């Protein structure tokens, strides 16, 4: 960790704190590329009625718009709190180089944001999940992928 990492984390914490003052959740995030801020996000779940509007996801969306790309390789995500499984997945899909966080999952749980049920769920066989995730084998199930592969103009990601 560097002094710059600490400064960007302080920025994420400030965004989170300001968001609470504005009626939002206690999460903030910043995407940095080549030493410059290229995206910010604050938790907007209740404001936007969007369960995916986590600070990290919002910062990734903002950075992608600013940089006009869906690939954030070369960028770092700084977030006020340890990312939940949704945000870790979004970070992986965005191809971020690193994720750096301040508060951890235990701090989040103390604040009423406990992700432990998700971590426990992922260690359980899908057949035991309270929300069924089931596979139904349709004859044309792979057709979208066949169409995708046949499309010479597709953008690989």
C-alpha atoms as a PDB file:
ATOM      1  CA  UNK A   1       0.000   0.000   0.000  1.00  0.00           C
ATOM      2  CA  UNK A   2       1.175   3.474  -0.851  1.00  0.00           C
ATOM      3  CA  UNK A   3       0.348   6.977   0.294  1.00  0.00           C
ATOM      4  CA  UNK A   4      -1.655   7.381  -2.915  1.00  0.00           C
ATOM      5  CA  UNK A   5      -3.706   4.300  -2.014  1.00  0.00           C
ATOM      6  CA  UNK A   6      -4.498   5.888   1.346  1.00  0.00           C
ATOM      7  CA  UNK A   7      -5.518   9.158  -0.304  1.00  0.00           C
ATOM      8  CA  UNK A   8      -7.868   7.409  -2.755  1.00  0.00           C
ATOM      9  CA  UNK A   9      -9.356   5.358   0.077  1.00  0.00           C
ATOM     10  CA  UNK A  10      -9.964   8.564   2.013  1.00  0.00           C
ATOM     11  CA  UNK A  11     -11.819   9.884  -1.047  1.00  0.00           C
ATOM     12  CA  UNK A  12     -14.012   6.749  -1.100  1.00  0.00           C
ATOM     13  CA  UNK A  13     -14.726   7.073   2.630  1.00  0.00           C
ATOM     14  CA  UNK A  14     -15.629  10.750   2.149  1.00  0.00           C
ATOM     15  CA  UNK A  15     -18.062   9.801  -0.641  1.00  0.00           C
ATOM     16  CA  UNK A  16     -19.634   7.183   1.634  1.00  0.00           C
ATOM     17  CA  UNK A  17     -19.984   9.598   4.533  1.00  0.00           C
ATOM     18  CA  UNK A  18     -21.490  12.304   2.314  1.00  0.00           C
ATOM     19  CA  UNK A  19     -23.938   9.773   0.911  1.00  0.00           C
ATOM     20  CA  UNK A  20     -25.236   8.971   4.403  1.00  0.00           C
ATOM     21  CA  UNK A  21     -25.794  12.692   4.981  1.00  0.00           C
ATOM     22  CA  UNK A  22     -27.830  12.737   1.747  1.00  0.00           C
ATOM     23  CA  UNK A  23     -29.995   9.774   2.791  1.00  0.00           C
ATOM     24  CA  UNK A  24     -28.041   7.036   1.020  1.00  0.00           C
ATOM     25  CA  UNK A  25     -26.146   3.994   2.211  1.00  0.00           C
ATOM     26  CA  UNK A  26     -22.699   4.152   3.850  1.00  0.00           C
ATOM     27  CA  UNK A  27     -20.681   3.113   0.812  1.00  0.00           C
ATOM     28  CA  UNK A  28     -18.520   5.048  -1.641  1.00  0.00           C
ATOM     29  CA  UNK A  29     -16.073   4.057  -4.361  1.00  0.00           C
ATOM     30  CA  UNK A  30     -13.575   5.582  -6.778  1.00  0.00           C
ATOM     31  CA  UNK A  31     -11.997   4.135  -9.921  1.00  0.00           C
ATOM     32  CA  UNK A  32      -8.508   5.443 -10.619  1.00  0.00           C
ATOM     33  CA  UNK A  33      -6.552   5.000 -13.835  1.00  0.00           C
ATOM     34  CA  UNK A  34      -2.998   6.233 -14.294  1.00  0.00           C
ATOM     35  CA  UNK A  35      -3.256   8.316 -11.134  1.00  0.00           C
ATOM     36  CA  UNK A  36      -6.486  10.103 -12.131  1.00  0.00           C
ATOM     37  CA  UNK A  37     -10.027   9.660 -10.916  1.00  0.00           C
ATOM     38  CA  UNK A  38     -12.124   8.313 -13.776  1.00  0.00           C
ATOM     39  CA  UNK A  39     -15.262   7.203 -11.945  1.00  0.00           C
ATOM     40  CA  UNK A  40     -17.075   7.569  -8.653  1.00  0.00           C
ATOM     41  CA  UNK A  41     -20.005   5.865  -7.070  1.00  0.00           C
ATOM     42  CA  UNK A  42     -22.158   5.986  -3.995  1.00  0.00           C
ATOM     43  CA  UNK A  43     -24.697   3.449  -2.815  1.00  0.00           C
ATOM     44  CA  UNK A  44     -27.991   4.282  -4.560  1.00  0.00           C
ATOM     45  CA  UNK A  45     -29.959   1.107  -3.780  1.00  0.00           C
ATOM     46  CA  UNK A  46     -32.821   2.789  -1.909  1.00  0.00           C
ATOM     47  CA  UNK A  47     -32.719   6.060  -3.848  1.00  0.00           C
ATOM     48  CA  UNK A  48     -32.921   4.378  -7.252  1.00  0.00           C
ATOM     49  CA  UNK A  49     -34.881   1.308  -6.110  1.00  0.00           C
ATOM     50  CA  UNK A  50     -32.122  -0.778  -7.680  1.00  0.00           C
ATOM     51  CA  UNK A  51     -30.598  -3.626  -5.649  1.00  0.00           C
ATOM     52  CA  UNK A  52     -27.542  -3.606  -7.940  1.00  0.00           C
ATOM     53  CA  UNK A  53     -26.768   0.097  -7.415  1.00  0.00           C
ATOM     54  CA  UNK A  54     -23.904  -0.552  -5.014  1.00  0.00           C
ATOM     55  CA  UNK A  55     -21.177   2.080  -4.814  1.00  0.00           C
ATOM     56  CA  UNK A  56     -18.611  -0.122  -6.535  1.00  0.00           C
ATOM     57  CA  UNK A  57     -20.971  -0.991  -9.393  1.00  0.00           C
ATOM     58  CA  UNK A  58     -21.896   2.677  -9.798  1.00  0.00           C
ATOM     59  CA  UNK A  59     -18.201   3.672  -9.883  1.00  0.00           C
ATOM     60  CA  UNK A  60     -17.454   0.966 -12.472  1.00  0.00           C
ATOM     61  CA  UNK A  61     -20.383   2.143 -14.611  1.00  0.00           C
ATOM     62  CA  UNK A  62     -19.209   5.757 -14.352  1.00  0.00           C
ATOM     63  CA  UNK A  63     -15.609   4.868 -15.240  1.00  0.00           C
ATOM     64  CA  UNK A  64     -16.722   2.803 -18.227  1.00  0.00           C
ATOM     65  CA  UNK A  65     -18.813   5.724 -19.509  1.00  0.00           C
ATOM     66  CA  UNK A  66     -15.974   8.190 -18.976  1.00  0.00           C
ATOM     67  CA  UNK A  67     -13.377   5.977 -20.642  1.00  0.00           C
ATOM     68  CA  UNK A  68     -15.820   4.665 -23.283  1.00  0.00           C
ATOM     69  CA  UNK A  69     -14.925   1.051 -22.634  1.00  0.00           C
ATOM     70  CA  UNK A  70     -16.175  -1.973 -20.723  1.00  0.00           C
ATOM     71  CA  UNK A  71     -12.628  -3.108 -19.923  1.00  0.00           C
ATOM     72  CA  UNK A  72     -11.026  -1.316 -16.980  1.00  0.00           C
ATOM     73  CA  UNK A  73      -7.690  -3.117 -17.151  1.00  0.00           C
ATOM     74  CA  UNK A  74      -5.053  -0.742 -15.820  1.00  0.00           C
ATOM     75  CA  UNK A  75      -7.473   0.756 -13.291  1.00  0.00           C
ATOM     76  CA  UNK A  76      -7.853   0.361  -9.533  1.00  0.00           C
ATOM     77  CA  UNK A  77     -11.098   0.400  -7.545  1.00  0.00           C
ATOM     78  CA  UNK A  78     -10.919   2.054  -4.123  1.00  0.00           C
ATOM     79  CA  UNK A  79     -13.924   1.387  -1.953  1.00  0.00           C
ATOM     80  CA  UNK A  80     -14.966   2.446   1.508  1.00  0.00           C
ATOM     81  CA  UNK A  81     -15.820  -1.127   2.491  1.00  0.00           C
ATOM     82  CA  UNK A  82     -14.871  -4.679   1.549  1.00  0.00           C
ATOM     83  CA  UNK A  83     -16.829  -5.482  -1.606  1.00  0.00           C
ATOM     84  CA  UNK A  84     -19.752  -7.867  -1.339  1.00  0.00           C
ATOM     85  CA  UNK A  85     -19.972 -10.850  -3.719  1.00  0.00           C
ATOM     86  CA  UNK A  86     -21.886  -8.756  -6.292  1.00  0.00           C
ATOM     87  CA  UNK A  87     -19.195  -6.074  -6.310  1.00  0.00           C
ATOM     88  CA  UNK A  88     -16.307  -8.545  -6.405  1.00  0.00           C
ATOM     89  CA  UNK A  89     -17.950 -10.158  -9.438  1.00  0.00           C
ATOM     90  CA  UNK A  90     -18.455  -6.780 -11.127  1.00  0.00           C
ATOM     91  CA  UNK A  91     -14.794  -5.951 -10.458  1.00  0.00           C
ATOM     92  CA  UNK A  92     -13.699  -9.210 -12.043  1.00  0.00           C
ATOM     93  CA  UNK A  93     -15.927  -8.640 -15.104  1.00  0.00           C
ATOM     94  CA  UNK A  94     -14.531  -5.097 -15.415  1.00  0.00           C
ATOM     95  CA  UNK A  95     -11.000  -6.557 -15.464  1.00  0.00           C
ATOM     96  CA  UNK A  96      -9.775  -4.135 -12.787  1.00  0.00           C
ATOM     97  CA  UNK A  97      -6.126  -4.557 -11.798  1.00  0.00           C
ATOM     98  CA  UNK A  98      -6.786  -4.250  -8.069  1.00  0.00           C
ATOM     99  CA  UNK A  99      -9.450  -3.542  -5.480  1.00  0.00           C
ATOM    100  CA  UNK A 100      -8.458  -1.730  -2.284  1.00  0.00           C
ATOM    101  CA  UNK A 101     -10.916  -1.316   0.592  1.00  0.00           C
ATOM    102  CA  UNK A 102     -11.076   0.395   3.985  1.00  0.00           C
ATOM    103  CA  UNK A 103     -13.705  -1.070   6.357  1.00  0.00           C
ATOM    104  CA  UNK A 104     -14.173  -4.831   6.280  1.00  0.00           C
ATOM    105  CA  UNK A 105     -17.196  -7.135   6.154  1.00  0.00           C
ATOM    106  CA  UNK A 106     -17.388  -7.197   9.955  1.00  0.00           C
ATOM    107  CA  UNK A 107     -17.718  -3.406  10.066  1.00  0.00           C
ATOM    108  CA  UNK A 108     -20.460  -3.671   7.449  1.00  0.00           C
ATOM    109  CA  UNK A 109     -22.274  -6.352   9.461  1.00  0.00           C
ATOM    110  CA  UNK A 110     -22.128  -4.123  12.555  1.00  0.00           C
ATOM    111  CA  UNK A 111     -23.831  -1.447  10.447  1.00  0.00           C
ATOM    112  CA  UNK A 112     -26.593  -3.834   9.385  1.00  0.00           C
ATOM    113  CA  UNK A 113     -25.069  -4.911   6.057  1.00  0.00           C
ATOM    114  CA  UNK A 114     -24.206  -8.545   6.717  1.00  0.00           C
ATOM    115  CA  UNK A 115     -23.070 -10.521   3.672  1.00  0.00           C
ATOM    116  CA  UNK A 116     -22.253 -13.673   5.644  1.00  0.00           C
ATOM    117  CA  UNK A 117     -25.467 -15.361   4.442  1.00  0.00           C
ATOM    118  CA  UNK A 118     -24.270 -14.971   0.842  1.00  0.00           C
ATOM    119  CA  UNK A 119     -20.827 -16.395   1.579  1.00  0.00           C
ATOM    120  CA  UNK A 120     -22.449 -19.342   3.377  1.00  0.00           C
ATOM    121  CA  UNK A 121     -24.896 -19.841   0.512  1.00  0.00           C
ATOM    122  CA  UNK A 122     -22.105 -20.104  -2.066  1.00  0.00           C
ATOM    123  CA  UNK A 123     -20.565 -22.940  -0.040  1.00  0.00           C
ATOM    124  CA  UNK A 124     -23.872 -24.858  -0.135  1.00  0.00           C
ATOM    125  CA  UNK A 125     -24.978 -27.079  -3.039  1.00  0.00           C
ATOM    126  CA  UNK A 126     -27.471 -25.265  -5.270  1.00  0.00           C
ATOM    127  CA  UNK A 127     -30.057 -27.934  -4.566  1.00  0.00           C
ATOM    128  CA  UNK A 128     -30.182 -26.650  -0.968  1.00  0.00           C
ATOM    129  CA  UNK A 129     -30.552 -22.937  -1.754  1.00  0.00           C
ATOM    130  CA  UNK A 130     -33.696 -21.183  -0.515  1.00  0.00           C
ATOM    131  CA  UNK A 131     -33.979 -19.522  -3.947  1.00  0.00           C
ATOM    132  CA  UNK A 132     -33.906 -22.317  -6.536  1.00  0.00           C
ATOM    133  CA  UNK A 133     -31.515 -21.882  -9.431  1.00  0.00           C
ATOM    134  CA  UNK A 134     -32.421 -24.662 -11.806  1.00  0.00           C
ATOM    135  CA  UNK A 135     -31.332 -25.806 -15.240  1.00  0.00           C
ATOM    136  CA  UNK A 136     -33.942 -26.750 -17.839  1.00  0.00           C
ATOM    137  CA  UNK A 137     -32.441 -28.261 -20.968  1.00  0.00           C
ATOM    138  CA  UNK A 138     -34.223 -26.766 -23.996  1.00  0.00           C
ATOM    139  CA  UNK A 139     -33.490 -28.100 -27.493  1.00  0.00           C
ATOM    140  CA  UNK A 140     -32.347 -24.644 -28.703  1.00  0.00           C
ATOM    141  CA  UNK A 141     -30.665 -23.549 -25.481  1.00  0.00           C
ATOM    142  CA  UNK A 142     -27.291 -22.940 -27.177  1.00  0.00           C
ATOM    143  CA  UNK A 143     -28.751 -21.050 -30.153  1.00  0.00           C
ATOM    144  CA  UNK A 144     -27.837 -17.577 -28.784  1.00  0.00           C
ATOM    145  CA  UNK A 145     -24.208 -18.701 -28.463  1.00  0.00           C
ATOM    146  CA  UNK A 146     -24.200 -20.280 -31.911  1.00  0.00           C
ATOM    147  CA  UNK A 147     -25.568 -17.009 -33.293  1.00  0.00           C
ATOM    148  CA  UNK A 148     -22.935 -15.096 -31.332  1.00  0.00           C
ATOM    149  CA  UNK A 149     -20.102 -17.234 -32.671  1.00  0.00           C
ATOM    150  CA  UNK A 150     -21.383 -16.869 -36.218  1.00  0.00           C
ATOM    151  CA  UNK A 151     -21.455 -13.073 -35.923  1.00  0.00           C
ATOM    152  CA  UNK A 152     -18.173 -11.835 -37.378  1.00  0.00           C
ATOM    153  CA  UNK A 153     -18.922  -8.301 -36.118  1.00  0.00           C
ATOM    154  CA  UNK A 154     -19.167  -9.340 -32.443  1.00  0.00           C
ATOM    155  CA  UNK A 155     -17.111  -7.543 -29.830  1.00  0.00           C
ATOM    156  CA  UNK A 156     -15.288 -10.108 -27.735  1.00  0.00           C
ATOM    157  CA  UNK A 157     -15.127  -9.611 -24.029  1.00  0.00           C
END
